[in-house]
N, C-alpha and C. Protein backbone atom coordinates (compact mmCIF):
# COMPACT_ATOMS: atom_id res chain seq x y z
N MET A 1 140.53 -37.35 10.51
CA MET A 1 140.95 -38.00 9.45
C MET A 1 142.24 -38.52 9.28
N GLY A 2 142.58 -39.17 8.17
CA GLY A 2 143.72 -40.31 8.22
C GLY A 2 145.40 -39.65 8.00
N GLU A 3 145.97 -40.36 9.22
CA GLU A 3 147.32 -39.81 9.29
C GLU A 3 148.28 -40.89 8.38
N LEU A 4 149.48 -40.26 7.62
CA LEU A 4 150.37 -40.92 7.12
C LEU A 4 151.24 -41.32 8.25
N LYS A 5 151.47 -42.23 8.63
CA LYS A 5 152.08 -43.45 9.26
C LYS A 5 153.45 -43.62 9.16
N SER A 6 154.80 -43.35 9.68
CA SER A 6 155.89 -44.20 9.54
C SER A 6 156.33 -45.47 9.30
N SER A 7 156.91 -45.87 8.78
CA SER A 7 156.86 -47.40 9.20
C SER A 7 158.22 -47.58 10.24
N GLY A 8 159.07 -46.31 10.68
CA GLY A 8 159.88 -46.85 11.48
C GLY A 8 161.03 -46.30 10.95
N LYS A 9 161.97 -46.36 9.75
CA LYS A 9 162.89 -46.22 8.92
C LYS A 9 162.51 -45.69 8.12
N PRO A 10 163.12 -43.97 7.37
CA PRO A 10 162.23 -43.50 6.74
C PRO A 10 163.27 -43.58 5.06
N PHE A 11 164.71 -44.23 5.67
CA PHE A 11 165.81 -44.56 4.55
C PHE A 11 165.68 -45.52 4.73
N GLU A 12 165.80 -46.76 3.51
CA GLU A 12 166.24 -47.78 3.45
C GLU A 12 167.44 -47.95 3.28
N ILE A 13 168.66 -49.09 4.12
CA ILE A 13 169.78 -48.73 3.15
C ILE A 13 170.41 -50.30 3.83
N SER A 14 170.39 -51.15 2.85
CA SER A 14 170.87 -52.91 3.41
C SER A 14 172.25 -52.73 4.23
N LYS A 15 172.37 -53.50 4.90
CA LYS A 15 173.41 -53.90 5.60
C LYS A 15 175.13 -53.86 4.75
N ARG A 16 174.49 -55.21 4.00
CA ARG A 16 175.43 -55.09 2.60
C ARG A 16 175.41 -53.73 1.56
N GLU A 17 174.97 -53.16 1.94
CA GLU A 17 175.77 -51.53 1.38
C GLU A 17 176.42 -50.69 1.71
N VAL A 18 176.48 -50.05 3.20
CA VAL A 18 177.12 -50.69 4.43
C VAL A 18 178.38 -50.85 4.11
N TRP A 19 178.56 -52.41 4.60
CA TRP A 19 179.90 -52.97 4.42
C TRP A 19 181.02 -52.75 2.96
N GLU A 20 179.82 -52.39 2.13
CA GLU A 20 180.65 -52.34 0.89
C GLU A 20 180.70 -50.80 0.53
N ALA A 21 180.24 -49.69 1.18
CA ALA A 21 181.44 -48.54 1.14
C ALA A 21 182.35 -48.46 2.34
N TYR A 22 182.31 -49.43 3.32
CA TYR A 22 183.86 -49.35 4.35
C TYR A 22 184.64 -50.14 3.20
N GLU A 23 184.32 -51.30 2.79
CA GLU A 23 185.39 -52.00 1.74
C GLU A 23 186.07 -50.29 1.05
N ARG A 24 184.98 -50.03 0.29
CA ARG A 24 185.61 -49.07 -0.21
C ARG A 24 186.38 -47.56 0.39
N VAL A 25 186.14 -47.32 1.50
CA VAL A 25 186.65 -46.08 2.56
C VAL A 25 188.18 -46.63 3.00
N LYS A 26 187.83 -48.02 2.78
CA LYS A 26 189.33 -48.94 3.15
C LYS A 26 190.18 -48.82 2.11
N ALA A 27 190.11 -48.83 1.23
CA ALA A 27 190.11 -48.97 -0.18
C ALA A 27 191.57 -48.19 -0.54
N ASN A 28 190.29 -46.82 -0.41
CA ASN A 28 190.76 -45.51 -0.42
C ASN A 28 191.44 -45.20 0.80
N LYS A 29 192.07 -45.99 1.62
CA LYS A 29 192.78 -45.50 2.45
C LYS A 29 192.35 -43.90 3.23
N GLY A 30 191.31 -44.05 3.50
CA GLY A 30 189.92 -43.34 3.99
C GLY A 30 190.37 -42.10 5.37
N ALA A 31 190.00 -41.04 4.96
CA ALA A 31 190.89 -40.11 6.63
C ALA A 31 189.58 -40.18 7.69
N PRO A 32 190.05 -39.82 8.65
CA PRO A 32 189.08 -39.99 9.70
C PRO A 32 187.92 -39.07 10.05
N GLY A 33 186.72 -39.62 9.90
CA GLY A 33 185.68 -39.10 9.99
C GLY A 33 185.34 -37.45 11.08
N VAL A 34 184.65 -37.12 11.26
CA VAL A 34 184.53 -35.95 11.50
C VAL A 34 184.72 -36.31 13.36
N ASP A 35 184.72 -36.99 13.60
CA ASP A 35 184.81 -37.93 15.11
C ASP A 35 186.17 -38.19 15.34
N GLY A 36 187.33 -38.06 14.55
CA GLY A 36 188.65 -38.41 14.30
C GLY A 36 189.19 -39.62 14.42
N CYS A 37 187.90 -40.29 14.33
CA CYS A 37 187.89 -42.09 14.03
C CYS A 37 188.87 -42.45 12.67
N SER A 38 190.10 -43.00 13.15
CA SER A 38 191.09 -43.83 11.82
C SER A 38 189.99 -45.19 10.97
N ILE A 39 191.05 -45.45 10.67
CA ILE A 39 189.89 -46.86 9.70
C ILE A 39 190.22 -47.96 11.13
N GLU A 40 191.85 -47.68 11.99
CA GLU A 40 192.14 -49.26 12.64
C GLU A 40 191.38 -48.75 13.75
N GLU A 41 191.22 -47.67 14.43
CA GLU A 41 190.06 -46.96 15.74
C GLU A 41 188.80 -48.00 15.47
N PHE A 42 187.83 -47.75 13.53
CA PHE A 42 187.10 -48.25 13.70
C PHE A 42 186.60 -49.39 13.70
N GLU A 43 188.12 -49.68 13.11
CA GLU A 43 188.46 -51.66 12.73
C GLU A 43 188.72 -52.52 13.93
N ALA A 44 188.60 -51.51 15.16
CA ALA A 44 189.10 -52.04 16.63
C ALA A 44 187.73 -53.00 16.98
N ASP A 45 186.48 -52.52 16.85
CA ASP A 45 184.84 -52.74 17.00
C ASP A 45 184.61 -53.08 15.69
N LEU A 46 184.50 -53.24 14.60
CA LEU A 46 184.01 -53.64 13.30
C LEU A 46 182.88 -53.63 13.08
N LYS A 47 182.39 -55.09 13.76
CA LYS A 47 181.21 -55.17 13.58
C LYS A 47 180.16 -54.16 14.61
N ASN A 48 180.39 -53.22 15.43
CA ASN A 48 179.52 -52.72 16.39
C ASN A 48 179.87 -51.28 15.41
N ASN A 49 180.76 -50.38 15.20
CA ASN A 49 180.96 -49.79 14.81
C ASN A 49 179.76 -49.79 13.11
N LEU A 50 179.97 -50.89 12.78
CA LEU A 50 178.91 -50.88 11.13
C LEU A 50 177.59 -50.65 11.76
N TYR A 51 177.30 -51.80 12.75
CA TYR A 51 175.84 -51.45 13.14
C TYR A 51 175.67 -49.80 13.16
N LYS A 52 176.66 -49.35 13.82
CA LYS A 52 176.32 -47.88 14.58
C LYS A 52 175.75 -47.33 13.22
N VAL A 53 176.98 -47.65 11.92
CA VAL A 53 176.42 -46.90 10.27
C VAL A 53 175.17 -46.79 10.08
N TRP A 54 174.57 -48.22 10.10
CA TRP A 54 174.08 -48.61 9.43
C TRP A 54 172.62 -48.72 10.36
N SER A 55 172.66 -48.42 10.95
CA SER A 55 171.07 -47.82 12.44
C SER A 55 170.93 -45.98 11.82
N ALA A 56 172.50 -45.49 12.46
CA ALA A 56 172.06 -44.05 11.59
C ALA A 56 171.58 -43.62 10.35
N SER A 57 172.51 -44.18 9.61
CA SER A 57 171.90 -44.28 7.91
C SER A 57 170.84 -45.11 7.86
N SER A 58 170.23 -45.38 8.59
CA SER A 58 168.87 -46.50 7.59
C SER A 58 167.61 -45.13 8.90
N ARG A 59 168.33 -44.06 9.62
CA ARG A 59 167.28 -43.54 10.77
C ARG A 59 167.03 -41.72 9.51
N ALA A 60 168.53 -41.89 8.98
CA ALA A 60 168.79 -40.73 7.62
C ALA A 60 168.09 -39.48 8.64
N ARG A 61 168.92 -38.96 9.40
CA ARG A 61 169.00 -38.31 10.08
C ARG A 61 170.45 -36.83 9.65
N GLY A 62 170.55 -37.23 9.16
CA GLY A 62 171.11 -36.44 8.62
C GLY A 62 172.70 -36.28 10.02
N GLU A 63 171.96 -36.64 10.92
CA GLU A 63 173.56 -36.66 11.73
C GLU A 63 174.56 -37.50 11.85
N ALA A 64 175.82 -37.16 11.80
CA ALA A 64 177.61 -37.97 12.22
C ALA A 64 177.44 -38.90 13.40
N VAL A 65 177.47 -39.79 13.24
CA VAL A 65 177.69 -41.00 14.30
C VAL A 65 179.32 -40.64 14.85
N LYS A 66 179.04 -41.10 16.12
CA LYS A 66 180.48 -40.70 17.21
C LYS A 66 180.69 -41.83 16.99
N LEU A 67 181.61 -42.37 16.25
CA LEU A 67 182.60 -43.78 16.94
C LEU A 67 183.59 -43.66 18.41
N GLY A 68 184.69 -42.65 17.79
CA GLY A 68 185.91 -43.07 18.84
C GLY A 68 185.67 -43.29 19.93
N SER A 69 186.49 -43.55 20.59
CA SER A 69 185.84 -43.60 22.43
C SER A 69 186.59 -42.05 22.98
């Protein structure tokens, strides 16, 4: 019988939504996340870190993304 096949990404989130979320956290002077990565550390590799957040969010596995060194 036919099986449902995943499109590869169970949850659609745009890169723009990730950028807007980052801007809100920065404006609120957000606290470090579960990995202890501060806004300053996050911004040191902003493009890569935003991609990591977007990619993990798109997979929607509920896992924390480690960004710090």
